[in-house]
Amino acid sequence: MDMNEQWSMVARLALAAVLGAMVGMEREYRGYPAGVRTIALVCLGSALFTEMSSTFSPEGDPGRVAAQIVTGIGFLGAGVIVREGITLRGVTTAATIWTSASLGIAVAQGFYVVAVFVALVVVALLEANPLTKRLSHLGDRARGDGDRDG
């Protein structure tokens, strides 16, 4: 691999890290356990695994590497899900970790526009949290469950 190819790879890895950090900022701001560093590292690591898979063998199957990334990230995501009584916490953070891995794969495969679009959609969806909580609260009131918080 010549130096130009390596610098191109570095640029892709930097983009993956930036997109991951952008998504992670929302989680960090809201105080969730997986923040900027975690999400950026997941995105960067997924991109690097994808990039390296093509260097091992010209006939390499990036689909196999992607499948293994998805499996491994599933275990990491499961670690942030906590059961509190009858509710589960951390499911959205786990989904964010999983999606950030897909961002890294997309960037490594050269789908820059798609990766940027998905990162923006993820941030928008995560920022919709106050709206979804308000809608949930209105639904509780409609069912007569509005007093369960105290």
N, C-alpha and C. Protein backbone atom coordinates (compact mmCIF):
# COMPACT_ATOMS: atom_id res chain seq x y z
N MET A 1 0.86 -1.17 0.00
CA MET A 1 0.00 0.00 0.00
C MET A 1 0.90 1.23 0.00
N ASP A 2 0.71 2.09 -0.99
CA ASP A 2 1.57 3.28 -1.08
C ASP A 2 1.09 4.37 -0.13
N MET A 3 1.87 5.42 0.00
CA MET A 3 1.58 6.48 0.95
C MET A 3 0.27 7.21 0.63
N ASN A 4 -0.03 7.41 -0.65
CA ASN A 4 -1.29 8.08 -1.01
C ASN A 4 -2.50 7.28 -0.54
N GLU A 5 -2.43 5.97 -0.71
CA GLU A 5 -3.53 5.11 -0.25
C GLU A 5 -3.65 5.16 1.27
N GLN A 6 -2.51 5.19 1.95
CA GLN A 6 -2.55 5.26 3.41
C GLN A 6 -3.14 6.59 3.88
N TRP A 7 -2.78 7.70 3.22
CA TRP A 7 -3.35 8.99 3.61
C TRP A 7 -4.84 9.06 3.30
N SER A 8 -5.27 8.40 2.23
CA SER A 8 -6.70 8.32 1.94
C SER A 8 -7.42 7.55 3.04
N MET A 9 -6.79 6.47 3.49
CA MET A 9 -7.37 5.70 4.58
C MET A 9 -7.44 6.53 5.85
N VAL A 10 -6.39 7.29 6.14
CA VAL A 10 -6.38 8.15 7.32
C VAL A 10 -7.52 9.17 7.25
N ALA A 11 -7.75 9.72 6.06
CA ALA A 11 -8.84 10.69 5.90
C ALA A 11 -10.19 10.04 6.18
N ARG A 12 -10.38 8.82 5.68
CA ARG A 12 -11.64 8.10 5.94
C ARG A 12 -11.80 7.80 7.43
N LEU A 13 -10.72 7.38 8.06
CA LEU A 13 -10.77 7.09 9.49
C LEU A 13 -11.07 8.36 10.30
N ALA A 14 -10.49 9.48 9.88
CA ALA A 14 -10.76 10.75 10.57
C ALA A 14 -12.24 11.13 10.42
N LEU A 15 -12.79 10.94 9.23
CA LEU A 15 -14.21 11.23 9.03
C LEU A 15 -15.07 10.34 9.91
N ALA A 16 -14.72 9.07 10.00
CA ALA A 16 -15.48 8.15 10.86
C ALA A 16 -15.41 8.62 12.31
N ALA A 17 -14.24 9.01 12.78
CA ALA A 17 -14.09 9.47 14.16
C ALA A 17 -14.90 10.75 14.40
N VAL A 18 -14.89 11.67 13.45
CA VAL A 18 -15.64 12.92 13.59
C VAL A 18 -17.14 12.65 13.63
N LEU A 19 -17.62 11.80 12.73
CA LEU A 19 -19.06 11.48 12.73
C LEU A 19 -19.46 10.79 14.02
N GLY A 20 -18.63 9.87 14.49
CA GLY A 20 -18.91 9.20 15.75
C GLY A 20 -18.93 10.18 16.92
N ALA A 21 -17.98 11.09 16.93
CA ALA A 21 -17.93 12.09 18.00
C ALA A 21 -19.15 12.99 17.94
N MET A 22 -19.59 13.33 16.75
CA MET A 22 -20.78 14.18 16.60
C MET A 22 -22.00 13.49 17.20
N VAL A 23 -22.17 12.22 16.91
CA VAL A 23 -23.29 11.47 17.48
C VAL A 23 -23.10 11.33 18.99
N GLY A 24 -21.87 11.05 19.42
CA GLY A 24 -21.60 10.86 20.83
C GLY A 24 -21.80 12.11 21.67
N MET A 25 -21.67 13.29 21.07
CA MET A 25 -21.88 14.54 21.81
C MET A 25 -23.28 14.63 22.40
N GLU A 26 -24.26 14.16 21.65
CA GLU A 26 -25.63 14.21 22.16
C GLU A 26 -25.77 13.30 23.37
N ARG A 27 -25.20 12.10 23.31
CA ARG A 27 -25.27 11.17 24.44
C ARG A 27 -24.53 11.74 25.64
N GLU A 28 -23.39 12.35 25.38
CA GLU A 28 -22.60 12.96 26.45
C GLU A 28 -23.37 14.11 27.10
N TYR A 29 -23.96 14.96 26.28
CA TYR A 29 -24.72 16.10 26.77
C TYR A 29 -25.88 15.66 27.67
N ARG A 30 -26.50 14.57 27.33
CA ARG A 30 -27.64 14.06 28.09
C ARG A 30 -27.19 13.21 29.29
N GLY A 31 -25.89 12.96 29.42
CA GLY A 31 -25.38 12.24 30.58
C GLY A 31 -25.50 10.73 30.50
N TYR A 32 -25.55 10.18 29.30
CA TYR A 32 -25.65 8.73 29.15
C TYR A 32 -24.26 8.10 29.22
N PRO A 33 -24.18 6.80 29.56
CA PRO A 33 -22.87 6.19 29.80
C PRO A 33 -21.96 6.11 28.58
N ALA A 34 -22.50 6.02 27.41
CA ALA A 34 -21.68 5.96 26.20
C ALA A 34 -21.73 7.33 25.53
N GLY A 35 -20.65 8.10 25.70
CA GLY A 35 -20.63 9.46 25.18
C GLY A 35 -19.71 9.62 23.98
N VAL A 36 -19.08 10.78 23.91
CA VAL A 36 -18.25 11.14 22.76
C VAL A 36 -17.16 10.10 22.51
N ARG A 37 -16.39 9.78 23.54
CA ARG A 37 -15.27 8.86 23.33
C ARG A 37 -15.73 7.47 22.90
N THR A 38 -16.74 6.95 23.57
CA THR A 38 -17.21 5.60 23.25
C THR A 38 -17.74 5.52 21.83
N ILE A 39 -18.64 6.43 21.49
CA ILE A 39 -19.26 6.37 20.17
C ILE A 39 -18.22 6.63 19.07
N ALA A 40 -17.32 7.60 19.30
CA ALA A 40 -16.27 7.86 18.31
C ALA A 40 -15.36 6.66 18.14
N LEU A 41 -15.01 5.99 19.25
CA LEU A 41 -14.15 4.81 19.15
C LEU A 41 -14.84 3.65 18.43
N VAL A 42 -16.13 3.47 18.68
CA VAL A 42 -16.87 2.41 17.98
C VAL A 42 -16.88 2.68 16.48
N CYS A 43 -17.16 3.92 16.12
CA CYS A 43 -17.22 4.29 14.70
C CYS A 43 -15.83 4.15 14.05
N LEU A 44 -14.82 4.66 14.72
CA LEU A 44 -13.45 4.57 14.22
C LEU A 44 -12.99 3.12 14.12
N GLY A 45 -13.22 2.34 15.15
CA GLY A 45 -12.81 0.93 15.14
C GLY A 45 -13.49 0.13 14.05
N SER A 46 -14.77 0.38 13.85
CA SER A 46 -15.50 -0.32 12.78
C SER A 46 -14.93 0.04 11.41
N ALA A 47 -14.59 1.33 11.25
CA ALA A 47 -14.00 1.76 9.98
C ALA A 47 -12.64 1.10 9.78
N LEU A 48 -11.83 1.06 10.84
CA LEU A 48 -10.50 0.46 10.69
C LEU A 48 -10.58 -1.03 10.41
N PHE A 49 -11.46 -1.75 11.11
CA PHE A 49 -11.63 -3.17 10.81
C PHE A 49 -12.03 -3.37 9.34
N THR A 50 -12.93 -2.54 8.88
CA THR A 50 -13.40 -2.66 7.48
C THR A 50 -12.26 -2.34 6.52
N GLU A 51 -11.52 -1.28 6.81
CA GLU A 51 -10.38 -0.91 5.95
C GLU A 51 -9.33 -2.02 5.91
N MET A 52 -9.00 -2.56 7.06
CA MET A 52 -7.95 -3.57 7.13
C MET A 52 -8.36 -4.88 6.47
N SER A 53 -9.65 -5.17 6.47
CA SER A 53 -10.08 -6.43 5.87
C SER A 53 -9.73 -6.50 4.39
N SER A 54 -9.76 -5.36 3.72
CA SER A 54 -9.44 -5.37 2.29
C SER A 54 -7.94 -5.45 2.05
N THR A 55 -7.12 -5.14 3.06
CA THR A 55 -5.68 -5.22 2.88
C THR A 55 -5.13 -6.63 3.08
N PHE A 56 -5.88 -7.48 3.76
CA PHE A 56 -5.41 -8.83 4.02
C PHE A 56 -5.39 -9.68 2.77
N SER A 57 -6.39 -9.49 1.94
CA SER A 57 -6.50 -10.30 0.75
C SER A 57 -7.33 -9.55 -0.28
N PRO A 58 -6.86 -9.50 -1.53
CA PRO A 58 -7.63 -8.81 -2.56
C PRO A 58 -9.01 -9.44 -2.76
N GLU A 59 -9.11 -10.72 -2.47
CA GLU A 59 -10.39 -11.41 -2.62
C GLU A 59 -11.18 -11.40 -1.32
N GLY A 60 -10.71 -10.64 -0.34
CA GLY A 60 -11.38 -10.60 0.96
C GLY A 60 -12.84 -10.20 0.84
N ASP A 61 -13.62 -10.67 1.77
CA ASP A 61 -15.06 -10.40 1.77
C ASP A 61 -15.39 -9.40 2.87
N PRO A 62 -15.55 -8.11 2.51
CA PRO A 62 -15.86 -7.13 3.55
C PRO A 62 -17.19 -7.40 4.24
N GLY A 63 -18.06 -8.15 3.60
CA GLY A 63 -19.34 -8.51 4.20
C GLY A 63 -19.15 -9.39 5.42
N ARG A 64 -18.17 -10.25 5.38
CA ARG A 64 -17.89 -11.11 6.54
C ARG A 64 -17.38 -10.28 7.71
N VAL A 65 -16.52 -9.31 7.41
CA VAL A 65 -16.01 -8.45 8.48
C VAL A 65 -17.15 -7.62 9.06
N ALA A 66 -17.99 -7.07 8.20
CA ALA A 66 -19.13 -6.28 8.68
C ALA A 66 -20.03 -7.12 9.59
N ALA A 67 -20.26 -8.36 9.21
CA ALA A 67 -21.10 -9.24 10.03
C ALA A 67 -20.48 -9.48 11.40
N GLN A 68 -19.16 -9.62 11.44
CA GLN A 68 -18.49 -9.82 12.72
C GLN A 68 -18.50 -8.55 13.56
N ILE A 69 -18.41 -7.40 12.92
CA ILE A 69 -18.50 -6.12 13.64
C ILE A 69 -19.88 -6.02 14.28
N VAL A 70 -20.91 -6.32 13.53
CA VAL A 70 -22.28 -6.24 14.06
C VAL A 70 -22.43 -7.16 15.27
N THR A 71 -21.89 -8.36 15.19
CA THR A 71 -21.97 -9.30 16.31
C THR A 71 -21.24 -8.76 17.54
N GLY A 72 -20.01 -8.29 17.34
CA GLY A 72 -19.23 -7.77 18.46
C GLY A 72 -19.86 -6.54 19.08
N ILE A 73 -20.38 -5.67 18.27
CA ILE A 73 -21.01 -4.44 18.78
C ILE A 73 -22.28 -4.79 19.54
N GLY A 74 -22.94 -5.86 19.15
CA GLY A 74 -24.13 -6.29 19.89
C GLY A 74 -23.82 -6.58 21.35
N PHE A 75 -22.66 -7.19 21.60
CA PHE A 75 -22.25 -7.46 22.98
C PHE A 75 -21.94 -6.17 23.73
N LEU A 76 -21.27 -5.24 23.06
CA LEU A 76 -20.97 -3.96 23.68
C LEU A 76 -22.26 -3.20 24.01
N GLY A 77 -23.18 -3.19 23.06
CA GLY A 77 -24.46 -2.51 23.27
C GLY A 77 -25.26 -3.14 24.40
N ALA A 78 -25.20 -4.45 24.50
CA ALA A 78 -25.94 -5.13 25.57
C ALA A 78 -25.43 -4.72 26.94
N GLY A 79 -24.17 -4.33 27.01
CA GLY A 79 -23.59 -3.93 28.28
C GLY A 79 -24.13 -2.62 28.82
N VAL A 80 -24.75 -1.81 27.98
CA VAL A 80 -25.29 -0.53 28.47
C VAL A 80 -26.78 -0.61 28.79
N ILE A 81 -27.38 -1.77 28.54
CA ILE A 81 -28.80 -1.94 28.84
C ILE A 81 -28.94 -2.43 30.27
N VAL A 82 -29.73 -1.72 31.05
CA VAL A 82 -29.91 -2.03 32.46
C VAL A 82 -31.40 -2.16 32.74
N ARG A 83 -31.74 -3.16 33.52
CA ARG A 83 -33.14 -3.34 33.91
C ARG A 83 -33.35 -2.69 35.27
N GLU A 84 -34.34 -1.81 35.32
CA GLU A 84 -34.71 -1.15 36.58
C GLU A 84 -36.18 -1.43 36.82
N GLY A 85 -36.45 -2.41 37.66
CA GLY A 85 -37.84 -2.81 37.89
C GLY A 85 -38.42 -3.41 36.63
N ILE A 86 -39.52 -2.83 36.16
CA ILE A 86 -40.14 -3.36 34.94
C ILE A 86 -39.69 -2.62 33.69
N THR A 87 -38.81 -1.62 33.85
CA THR A 87 -38.37 -0.84 32.70
C THR A 87 -36.93 -1.19 32.33
N LEU A 88 -36.61 -0.94 31.08
CA LEU A 88 -35.25 -1.10 30.58
C LEU A 88 -34.68 0.28 30.29
N ARG A 89 -33.44 0.50 30.69
CA ARG A 89 -32.75 1.74 30.38
C ARG A 89 -31.54 1.41 29.52
N GLY A 90 -31.21 2.32 28.62
CA GLY A 90 -30.01 2.15 27.81
C GLY A 90 -30.26 1.57 26.43
N VAL A 91 -31.50 1.28 26.10
CA VAL A 91 -31.78 0.67 24.80
C VAL A 91 -31.43 1.64 23.67
N THR A 92 -31.78 2.91 23.84
CA THR A 92 -31.46 3.89 22.80
C THR A 92 -29.95 4.07 22.68
N THR A 93 -29.24 4.08 23.80
CA THR A 93 -27.78 4.19 23.74
C THR A 93 -27.19 2.97 23.05
N ALA A 94 -27.72 1.79 23.33
CA ALA A 94 -27.25 0.58 22.65
C ALA A 94 -27.49 0.67 21.15
N ALA A 95 -28.66 1.16 20.76
CA ALA A 95 -28.96 1.33 19.33
C ALA A 95 -28.03 2.37 18.70
N THR A 96 -27.67 3.39 19.48
CA THR A 96 -26.75 4.42 18.99
C THR A 96 -25.36 3.83 18.76
N ILE A 97 -24.91 2.99 19.67
CA ILE A 97 -23.62 2.31 19.50
C ILE A 97 -23.65 1.44 18.25
N TRP A 98 -24.72 0.70 18.08
CA TRP A 98 -24.86 -0.19 16.92
C TRP A 98 -24.86 0.62 15.62
N THR A 99 -25.60 1.72 15.61
CA THR A 99 -25.67 2.56 14.41
C THR A 99 -24.33 3.23 14.13
N SER A 100 -23.61 3.62 15.18
CA SER A 100 -22.31 4.26 14.94
C SER A 100 -21.32 3.28 14.32
N ALA A 101 -21.45 2.00 14.64
CA ALA A 101 -20.61 1.01 13.98
C ALA A 101 -20.91 0.96 12.49
N SER A 102 -22.18 1.07 12.14
CA SER A 102 -22.54 1.05 10.73
C SER A 102 -22.02 2.30 10.02
N LEU A 103 -21.95 3.42 10.73
CA LEU A 103 -21.37 4.64 10.14
C LEU A 103 -19.91 4.40 9.77
N GLY A 104 -19.16 3.77 10.67
CA GLY A 104 -17.76 3.48 10.39
C GLY A 104 -17.59 2.58 9.18
N ILE A 105 -18.44 1.57 9.08
CA ILE A 105 -18.38 0.67 7.92
C ILE A 105 -18.70 1.43 6.64
N ALA A 106 -19.72 2.28 6.69
CA ALA A 106 -20.11 3.05 5.50
C ALA A 106 -18.98 3.96 5.04
N VAL A 107 -18.35 4.64 5.98
CA VAL A 107 -17.24 5.54 5.61
C VAL A 107 -16.10 4.74 5.00
N ALA A 108 -15.74 3.62 5.62
CA ALA A 108 -14.64 2.81 5.11
C ALA A 108 -14.92 2.27 3.72
N GLN A 109 -16.19 2.08 3.40
CA GLN A 109 -16.55 1.57 2.08
C GLN A 109 -16.74 2.71 1.06
N GLY A 110 -16.54 3.95 1.49
CA GLY A 110 -16.60 5.08 0.58
C GLY A 110 -17.97 5.72 0.44
N PHE A 111 -18.90 5.38 1.30
CA PHE A 111 -20.24 5.96 1.25
C PHE A 111 -20.31 7.19 2.16
N TYR A 112 -19.56 8.22 1.79
CA TYR A 112 -19.42 9.40 2.63
C TYR A 112 -20.73 10.17 2.79
N VAL A 113 -21.42 10.40 1.70
CA VAL A 113 -22.68 11.16 1.75
C VAL A 113 -23.70 10.41 2.59
N VAL A 114 -23.78 9.11 2.39
CA VAL A 114 -24.72 8.29 3.16
C VAL A 114 -24.37 8.35 4.64
N ALA A 115 -23.09 8.23 4.97
CA ALA A 115 -22.66 8.24 6.37
C ALA A 115 -22.97 9.59 7.03
N VAL A 116 -22.69 10.69 6.34
CA VAL A 116 -22.99 12.00 6.90
C VAL A 116 -24.49 12.16 7.09
N PHE A 117 -25.28 11.74 6.10
CA PHE A 117 -26.73 11.82 6.21
C PHE A 117 -27.23 11.02 7.41
N VAL A 118 -26.76 9.79 7.55
CA VAL A 118 -27.22 8.94 8.66
C VAL A 118 -26.80 9.55 10.00
N ALA A 119 -25.58 10.08 10.08
CA ALA A 119 -25.14 10.71 11.33
C ALA A 119 -26.06 11.87 11.70
N LEU A 120 -26.44 12.68 10.71
CA LEU A 120 -27.35 13.80 10.97
C LEU A 120 -28.73 13.31 11.40
N VAL A 121 -29.21 12.26 10.77
CA VAL A 121 -30.51 11.69 11.14
C VAL A 121 -30.45 11.13 12.57
N VAL A 122 -29.37 10.45 12.91
CA VAL A 122 -29.22 9.90 14.26
C VAL A 122 -29.26 11.02 15.30
N VAL A 123 -28.50 12.08 15.05
CA VAL A 123 -28.49 13.21 15.99
C VAL A 123 -29.89 13.82 16.09
N ALA A 124 -30.57 13.98 14.97
CA ALA A 124 -31.93 14.54 14.99
C ALA A 124 -32.87 13.63 15.78
N LEU A 125 -32.77 12.34 15.59
CA LEU A 125 -33.63 11.42 16.33
C LEU A 125 -33.33 11.44 17.82
N LEU A 126 -32.05 11.51 18.17
CA LEU A 126 -31.69 11.57 19.57
C LEU A 126 -32.15 12.89 20.21
N GLU A 127 -32.08 13.96 19.44
CA GLU A 127 -32.52 15.26 19.94
C GLU A 127 -34.04 15.33 20.07
N ALA A 128 -34.76 14.42 19.45
CA ALA A 128 -36.22 14.40 19.56
C ALA A 128 -36.66 13.84 20.91
N ASN A 129 -35.73 13.46 21.77
CA ASN A 129 -36.05 12.86 23.06
C ASN A 129 -37.04 13.68 23.88
N PRO A 130 -36.86 15.00 24.05
CA PRO A 130 -37.84 15.75 24.84
C PRO A 130 -39.26 15.68 24.24
N LEU A 131 -39.34 15.69 22.93
CA LEU A 131 -40.65 15.59 22.27
C LEU A 131 -41.28 14.22 22.53
N THR A 132 -40.50 13.15 22.40
CA THR A 132 -41.06 11.82 22.61
C THR A 132 -41.45 11.60 24.07
N LYS A 133 -40.67 12.16 24.99
CA LYS A 133 -41.03 12.04 26.40
C LYS A 133 -42.34 12.78 26.68
N ARG A 134 -42.52 13.94 26.06
CA ARG A 134 -43.75 14.71 26.25
C ARG A 134 -44.93 13.94 25.67
N LEU A 135 -44.75 13.36 24.50
CA LEU A 135 -45.83 12.57 23.90
C LEU A 135 -46.18 11.37 24.77
N SER A 136 -45.16 10.72 25.33
CA SER A 136 -45.40 9.58 26.22
C SER A 136 -46.17 10.02 27.46
N HIS A 137 -45.81 11.16 28.00
CA HIS A 137 -46.49 11.68 29.18
C HIS A 137 -47.96 12.00 28.87
N LEU A 138 -48.22 12.57 27.69
CA LEU A 138 -49.60 12.85 27.29
C LEU A 138 -50.39 11.56 27.14
N GLY A 139 -49.74 10.51 26.61
CA GLY A 139 -50.40 9.21 26.48
C GLY A 139 -50.73 8.62 27.84
N ASP A 140 -49.81 8.78 28.80
CA ASP A 140 -50.07 8.31 30.16
C ASP A 140 -51.30 9.00 30.75
N ARG A 141 -51.39 10.30 30.55
CA ARG A 141 -52.54 11.05 31.06
C ARG A 141 -53.83 10.60 30.42
N ALA A 142 -53.79 10.35 29.13
CA ALA A 142 -54.98 9.92 28.41
C ALA A 142 -55.48 8.57 28.94
N ARG A 143 -54.53 7.72 29.38
CA ARG A 143 -54.89 6.40 29.92
C ARG A 143 -55.19 6.47 31.41
N GLY A 144 -54.98 7.63 32.03
CA GLY A 144 -55.21 7.75 33.47
C GLY A 144 -54.01 7.36 34.30
N ASP A 145 -52.83 7.23 33.66
CA ASP A 145 -51.62 6.84 34.36
C ASP A 145 -50.75 8.04 34.71
N GLY A 146 -51.28 9.25 34.61
CA GLY A 146 -50.49 10.45 34.75
C GLY A 146 -49.91 10.68 36.13
N ASP A 147 -50.42 10.01 37.16
CA ASP A 147 -49.95 10.25 38.52
C ASP A 147 -48.89 9.27 38.98
N ARG A 148 -48.36 8.45 38.09
CA ARG A 148 -47.43 7.42 38.56
C ARG A 148 -46.07 7.98 38.98
N ASP A 149 -45.73 9.22 38.59
CA ASP A 149 -44.47 9.81 39.01
C ASP A 149 -44.53 10.38 40.41
N GLY A 150 -45.66 10.45 41.01
CA GLY A 150 -45.69 10.95 42.36
C GLY A 150 -46.85 11.80 42.59
